[in-house]
Protein backbone atom coordinates (compact mmCIF):
# COMPACT_ATOMS: atom_id res chain seq x y z
CA MET A 1 -11.27 0.17 -25.79
CA PRO A 2 -11.32 -0.31 -22.01
CA ASP A 3 -14.64 0.00 -20.18
CA SER A 4 -14.41 3.08 -17.94
CA GLY A 5 -16.68 1.55 -15.29
CA ALA A 6 -14.50 -1.49 -14.82
CA ALA A 7 -11.01 -2.09 -13.51
CA VAL A 8 -9.42 -4.91 -15.49
CA ARG A 9 -5.87 -6.00 -14.81
CA LEU A 10 -3.65 -8.76 -16.11
CA LEU A 11 -0.74 -9.36 -13.73
CA GLY A 12 2.51 -11.27 -13.95
CA GLU A 13 3.03 -10.95 -10.19
CA GLY A 14 1.03 -11.63 -7.05
CA PHE A 15 -1.63 -9.39 -5.58
CA SER A 16 -3.32 -9.00 -2.22
CA PRO A 17 -7.01 -9.90 -2.45
CA ALA A 18 -7.71 -8.15 0.87
CA GLU A 19 -6.11 -4.90 -0.31
CA GLU A 20 -7.86 -5.09 -3.67
CA MET A 21 -11.25 -5.63 -2.02
CA ALA A 22 -10.69 -2.84 0.50
CA THR A 23 -9.89 -0.41 -2.31
CA PHE A 24 -12.81 -1.61 -4.45
CA THR A 25 -15.29 -1.43 -1.57
CA ALA A 26 -14.14 2.06 -0.58
CA ALA A 27 -14.59 3.23 -4.17
CA HIS A 28 -18.24 2.14 -4.22
CA PRO A 29 -19.96 3.42 -1.06
CA GLU A 30 -23.25 3.72 -2.97
CA ALA A 31 -23.40 -0.03 -3.58
CA GLY A 32 -25.91 -2.00 -1.55
CA GLY A 33 -24.11 -5.23 -2.35
CA ILE A 34 -20.57 -6.21 -3.26
CA VAL A 35 -19.91 -9.77 -4.35
CA SER A 36 -16.46 -11.22 -4.92
CA PHE A 37 -14.93 -14.45 -6.06
CA LEU A 38 -11.32 -15.38 -5.38
CA GLY A 39 -9.76 -18.28 -7.24
CA GLN A 40 -6.54 -19.64 -5.81
CA VAL A 41 -4.15 -22.51 -6.43
CA ARG A 42 -5.45 -25.54 -4.55
CA ALA A 43 -3.28 -27.27 -2.00
CA GLU A 44 -4.06 -30.93 -2.61
CA PRO A 45 -2.39 -33.48 -0.34
CA GLY A 46 -1.15 -36.83 -1.53
CA ALA A 47 0.35 -38.30 -4.68
CA HIS A 48 -1.48 -35.90 -6.99
CA ALA A 49 -0.51 -32.76 -5.10
CA VAL A 50 -0.03 -29.72 -7.32
CA GLU A 51 3.47 -28.35 -6.86
CA ALA A 52 2.94 -25.45 -9.25
CA LEU A 53 0.39 -24.02 -11.64
CA GLU A 54 1.39 -22.07 -14.72
CA LEU A 55 -0.82 -19.87 -16.86
CA LYS A 56 0.39 -18.65 -20.21
CA HIS A 57 -1.43 -16.22 -22.45
CA TYR A 58 -1.29 -14.44 -25.79
CA ALA A 59 -0.86 -10.77 -24.89
CA ALA A 60 -2.56 -9.39 -28.01
CA MET A 61 -5.79 -11.19 -27.10
CA THR A 62 -5.89 -11.59 -23.34
CA LEU A 63 -6.33 -8.07 -21.98
CA PRO A 64 -8.63 -6.95 -24.83
CA GLY A 65 -10.70 -10.10 -24.26
CA MET A 66 -10.91 -9.42 -20.53
CA GLU A 67 -11.94 -5.81 -21.24
CA ALA A 68 -14.63 -6.98 -23.68
CA LEU A 69 -15.92 -9.39 -21.02
CA ALA A 70 -16.06 -6.53 -18.51
CA ALA A 71 -17.98 -4.35 -20.98
CA ALA A 72 -20.46 -7.18 -21.70
CA THR A 73 -20.93 -7.76 -17.97
CA ARG A 74 -21.55 -4.06 -17.26
CA LYS A 75 -23.97 -3.83 -20.18
CA ARG A 76 -26.02 -6.73 -18.88
CA TRP A 77 -26.37 -5.68 -15.21
CA ALA A 78 -26.78 -2.38 -13.39
CA LEU A 79 -23.39 -2.17 -11.69
CA ASP A 80 -21.67 0.59 -9.78
CA GLY A 81 -18.32 -1.08 -10.38
CA LEU A 82 -16.60 -4.20 -11.63
CA LEU A 83 -13.13 -5.54 -10.88
CA ILE A 84 -11.42 -8.34 -12.80
CA ILE A 85 -7.85 -9.29 -11.94
CA HIS A 86 -6.17 -12.33 -13.47
CA ARG A 87 -2.65 -13.67 -12.95
CA TYR A 88 -0.34 -15.38 -15.37
CA GLY A 89 2.99 -17.09 -14.80
CA VAL A 90 3.99 -19.75 -12.27
CA MET A 91 2.06 -19.91 -9.00
CA ARG A 92 2.20 -22.10 -5.90
CA ALA A 93 -0.47 -23.48 -3.55
CA GLY A 94 -2.44 -20.71 -1.91
CA ASP A 95 -1.47 -18.06 -4.47
CA PRO A 96 -4.42 -16.05 -5.80
CA ILE A 97 -5.13 -16.56 -9.50
CA VAL A 98 -8.25 -14.52 -10.20
CA LEU A 99 -10.39 -11.98 -8.38
CA VAL A 100 -13.75 -10.83 -9.69
CA ALA A 101 -15.82 -8.32 -7.73
CA ALA A 102 -19.08 -6.64 -8.65
CA ALA A 103 -20.68 -3.70 -6.84
CA ALA A 104 -24.35 -2.91 -7.38
CA ARG A 105 -27.24 -1.15 -5.71
CA HIS A 106 -28.93 -4.53 -5.36
CA ARG A 107 -27.33 -7.85 -4.45
CA ARG A 108 -28.83 -9.93 -7.26
CA ASP A 109 -27.12 -7.81 -9.93
CA ALA A 110 -23.81 -8.14 -8.08
CA PHE A 111 -24.15 -11.92 -7.69
CA ALA A 112 -25.18 -12.47 -11.30
CA ALA A 113 -22.45 -10.23 -12.72
CA ALA A 114 -19.68 -11.93 -10.75
CA ASP A 115 -21.01 -15.38 -11.67
CA PHE A 116 -21.29 -14.46 -15.37
CA ALA A 117 -17.75 -13.06 -15.49
CA MET A 118 -16.26 -16.12 -13.77
CA ASP A 119 -18.15 -18.58 -15.97
CA HIS A 120 -16.74 -16.83 -19.03
CA LEU A 121 -13.21 -16.55 -17.64
CA LYS A 122 -13.20 -20.25 -16.76
CA SER A 123 -14.36 -21.60 -20.13
CA GLN A 124 -13.75 -18.90 -22.73
CA SER A 125 -10.49 -17.63 -21.37
CA TRP A 126 -7.38 -16.59 -23.24
CA PHE A 127 -5.08 -18.63 -21.01
CA TRP A 128 -3.31 -21.95 -21.36
CA LYS A 129 -3.05 -23.70 -18.03
CA ARG A 130 -0.79 -26.51 -16.89
CA GLU A 131 0.03 -27.97 -13.52
CA LYS A 132 3.08 -29.67 -12.12
CA THR A 133 2.77 -32.73 -9.89
CA ALA A 134 5.31 -35.36 -8.87
CA SER A 135 4.66 -36.93 -12.30
CA GLY A 136 5.66 -33.75 -14.13
CA TRP A 137 3.76 -31.08 -16.07
CA ARG A 138 0.38 -31.64 -17.72
CA TRP A 139 -1.92 -29.32 -19.64
CA ILE A 140 -5.39 -28.64 -18.23
CA GLU A 141 -8.42 -28.05 -20.43
CA PRO A 142 -11.76 -26.55 -19.35
CA ARG A 143 -14.09 -29.26 -18.07
CA PRO A 144 -17.47 -30.01 -19.68
CA ASP A 145 -19.09 -28.43 -16.59
CA ASP A 146 -17.22 -25.20 -17.31
CA HIS A 147 -18.72 -25.06 -20.81
CA ARG A 148 -22.21 -25.90 -19.48
CA ASP A 149 -21.91 -23.14 -16.90
CA ARG A 150 -21.10 -20.60 -19.60
CA ALA A 151 -23.85 -21.86 -21.89
CA ARG A 152 -26.55 -21.09 -19.32
CA TRP A 153 -26.03 -17.38 -19.96
C-alpha cells in the first residue's frame, strides 16, 4: 500500500529535476529544511568512458519495494514530505537516474531521511545495472562501501 505522505515514482522516461524540486518545495511551505539528492549518469572521459547506462527491474517488486522504503523512511523521521523518483531503461551521460528529496521542520531530519533512502536504494535496490563502454556491456554490482553505508542504519 503506498504511503500517502510520500510521492514515489518509477519512470521509464526522463524527468526534470528542477521541475520536480520546484513542485515538491511549493507543496511543503511549512518545511524549515528541504534536502535533495540527484544521481545522474557520470560523464567519464577517456578509454573507460560510459557510453550508456541501463537499469532493468522486476516490476512486481520494484515499486512496492520503493513504497516500503518510503514508508520506513517516514516512520523513522518527522517529515512533511518525501519524494523518491527512480529511472529505468537506457540512459546517457548527464541523464538523471534518481532524485530523493525530504522536507522537514528541521534540517537534521531532512538530511538523515534523504541519506537513509539513498543508502537503501544504492545497496538494497530492485534494479540490475549495466554500463556500456568501448569494450561493450558489463554488469555493475553494489560496492562494499554501499553495503557498509546501509549497515550503519
